[in-house]
Amino acid sequence: MSDTVDAAVPDRDRPSGGAAEDRPRLGARLALFYRQVVSELRKVIWPTRRDLLAYTWVVIIFVTVVAIIVAGLDLIFAKVVLRVFGS
């Protein structure tokens, strides 16, 4: 009975059992990974220099505005805490 069940299970669904000879060697796996990374990077649409500069300025301005808001809130909360708890 178990022979028919085991025969019906495809090899990819069976546990490997530590058979290292079935896997490619480390160098082959790294080479495959590198080729796949390069292939994916070729699909990327890279921004132009003008776009990159525009995005950079947007980020710098946004971070500056958020920093000013956080500094203002910190100043307000510090004054409130000092008034409540005195010093």
C-alpha atoms as a PDB file:
ATOM      1  CA  MET A   1       0.000   0.000   0.000  1.00  0.00           C
ATOM      2  CA  SER A   2       2.732   2.517   0.913  1.00  0.00           C
ATOM      3  CA  ASP A   3       4.681   1.648  -2.248  1.00  0.00           C
ATOM      4  CA  THR A   4       1.881   2.974  -4.427  1.00  0.00           C
ATOM      5  CA  VAL A   5       1.539   6.135  -2.344  1.00  0.00           C
ATOM      6  CA  ASP A   6       5.312   6.796  -2.447  1.00  0.00           C
ATOM      7  CA  ALA A   7       5.384   6.217  -6.190  1.00  0.00           C
ATOM      8  CA  ALA A   8       2.623   8.780  -6.691  1.00  0.00           C
ATOM      9  CA  VAL A   9       4.551  11.554  -4.911  1.00  0.00           C
ATOM     10  CA  PRO A  10       6.713  13.523  -7.368  1.00  0.00           C
ATOM     11  CA  ASP A  11      10.415  13.900  -6.570  1.00  0.00           C
ATOM     12  CA  ARG A  12      10.118  17.660  -6.001  1.00  0.00           C
ATOM     13  CA  ASP A  13       7.589  17.068  -3.189  1.00  0.00           C
ATOM     14  CA  ARG A  14       9.748  14.560  -1.333  1.00  0.00           C
ATOM     15  CA  PRO A  15      12.100  15.759   1.385  1.00  0.00           C
ATOM     16  CA  SER A  16      15.654  15.999   0.140  1.00  0.00           C
ATOM     17  CA  GLY A  17      17.119  13.914   2.927  1.00  0.00           C
ATOM     18  CA  GLY A  18      20.406  15.801   2.696  1.00  0.00           C
ATOM     19  CA  ALA A  19      21.323  14.706  -0.816  1.00  0.00           C
ATOM     20  CA  ALA A  20      23.831  17.463  -1.526  1.00  0.00           C
ATOM     21  CA  GLU A  21      24.823  15.954  -4.870  1.00  0.00           C
ATOM     22  CA  ASP A  22      21.421  16.899  -6.306  1.00  0.00           C
ATOM     23  CA  ARG A  23      22.078  20.626  -5.818  1.00  0.00           C
ATOM     24  CA  PRO A  24      24.463  22.664  -7.955  1.00  0.00           C
ATOM     25  CA  ARG A  25      27.708  23.683  -6.290  1.00  0.00           C
ATOM     26  CA  LEU A  26      28.084  26.989  -4.485  1.00  0.00           C
ATOM     27  CA  GLY A  27      30.000  28.623  -7.345  1.00  0.00           C
ATOM     28  CA  ALA A  28      27.314  27.674  -9.865  1.00  0.00           C
ATOM     29  CA  ARG A  29      24.559  28.991  -7.601  1.00  0.00           C
ATOM     30  CA  LEU A  30      26.405  32.291  -7.071  1.00  0.00           C
ATOM     31  CA  ALA A  31      27.002  32.661 -10.815  1.00  0.00           C
ATOM     32  CA  LEU A  32      23.288  32.036 -11.479  1.00  0.00           C
ATOM     33  CA  PHE A  33      22.337  34.598  -8.826  1.00  0.00           C
ATOM     34  CA  TYR A  34      24.704  37.190 -10.343  1.00  0.00           C
ATOM     35  CA  ARG A  35      23.312  36.609 -13.867  1.00  0.00           C
ATOM     36  CA  GLN A  36      19.752  37.001 -12.564  1.00  0.00           C
ATOM     37  CA  VAL A  37      20.626  40.232 -10.731  1.00  0.00           C
ATOM     38  CA  VAL A  38      22.222  41.715 -13.852  1.00  0.00           C
ATOM     39  CA  SER A  39      19.218  40.643 -15.915  1.00  0.00           C
ATOM     40  CA  GLU A  40      16.805  42.350 -13.508  1.00  0.00           C
ATOM     41  CA  LEU A  41      18.892  45.525 -13.350  1.00  0.00           C
ATOM     42  CA  ARG A  42      18.734  45.830 -17.133  1.00  0.00           C
ATOM     43  CA  LYS A  43      14.932  46.030 -16.853  1.00  0.00           C
ATOM     44  CA  VAL A  44      15.111  49.039 -14.522  1.00  0.00           C
ATOM     45  CA  ILE A  45      14.206  52.423 -15.972  1.00  0.00           C
ATOM     46  CA  TRP A  46      16.918  54.644 -14.526  1.00  0.00           C
ATOM     47  CA  PRO A  47      16.083  58.328 -13.907  1.00  0.00           C
ATOM     48  CA  THR A  48      17.735  61.002 -15.993  1.00  0.00           C
ATOM     49  CA  ARG A  49      20.136  63.452 -14.362  1.00  0.00           C
ATOM     50  CA  ARG A  50      17.434  66.119 -14.402  1.00  0.00           C
ATOM     51  CA  ASP A  51      14.932  63.787 -12.703  1.00  0.00           C
ATOM     52  CA  LEU A  52      17.518  62.768 -10.130  1.00  0.00           C
ATOM     53  CA  LEU A  53      18.282  66.388  -9.238  1.00  0.00           C
ATOM     54  CA  ALA A  54      14.562  67.181  -8.970  1.00  0.00           C
ATOM     55  CA  TYR A  55      13.965  64.178  -6.671  1.00  0.00           C
ATOM     56  CA  THR A  56      16.969  65.139  -4.555  1.00  0.00           C
ATOM     57  CA  TRP A  57      15.674  68.688  -4.036  1.00  0.00           C
ATOM     58  CA  VAL A  58      12.216  67.385  -3.152  1.00  0.00           C
ATOM     59  CA  VAL A  59      13.715  65.124  -0.495  1.00  0.00           C
ATOM     60  CA  ILE A  60      15.958  67.857   0.925  1.00  0.00           C
ATOM     61  CA  ILE A  61      13.059  70.327   1.154  1.00  0.00           C
ATOM     62  CA  PHE A  62      10.713  67.735   2.670  1.00  0.00           C
ATOM     63  CA  VAL A  63      13.248  66.677   5.311  1.00  0.00           C
ATOM     64  CA  THR A  64      13.959  70.326   6.171  1.00  0.00           C
ATOM     65  CA  VAL A  65      10.242  71.104   6.602  1.00  0.00           C
ATOM     66  CA  VAL A  66       9.678  68.035   8.775  1.00  0.00           C
ATOM     67  CA  ALA A  67      12.748  68.895  10.884  1.00  0.00           C
ATOM     68  CA  ILE A  68      11.417  72.430  11.439  1.00  0.00           C
ATOM     69  CA  ILE A  69       8.007  71.060  12.460  1.00  0.00           C
ATOM     70  CA  VAL A  70       9.555  68.556  14.887  1.00  0.00           C
ATOM     71  CA  ALA A  71      11.850  71.233  16.362  1.00  0.00           C
ATOM     72  CA  GLY A  72       8.883  73.565  16.847  1.00  0.00           C
ATOM     73  CA  LEU A  73       6.815  70.872  18.535  1.00  0.00           C
ATOM     74  CA  ASP A  74       9.774  69.972  20.751  1.00  0.00           C
ATOM     75  CA  LEU A  75      10.140  73.601  21.807  1.00  0.00           C
ATOM     76  CA  ILE A  76       6.417  73.889  22.574  1.00  0.00           C
ATOM     77  CA  PHE A  77       6.316  70.647  24.585  1.00  0.00           C
ATOM     78  CA  ALA A  78       9.463  71.621  26.486  1.00  0.00           C
ATOM     79  CA  LYS A  79       7.926  74.967  27.516  1.00  0.00           C
ATOM     80  CA  VAL A  80       4.662  73.256  28.522  1.00  0.00           C
ATOM     81  CA  VAL A  81       6.486  70.661  30.632  1.00  0.00           C
ATOM     82  CA  LEU A  82       8.579  73.345  32.334  1.00  0.00           C
ATOM     83  CA  ARG A  83       5.457  75.379  33.168  1.00  0.00           C
ATOM     84  CA  VAL A  84       3.562  72.343  34.473  1.00  0.00           C
ATOM     85  CA  PHE A  85       6.371  70.863  36.549  1.00  0.00           C
ATOM     86  CA  GLY A  86       8.211  74.124  37.199  1.00  0.00           C
ATOM     87  CA  SER A  87      11.898  74.712  37.257  1.00  0.00           C
END
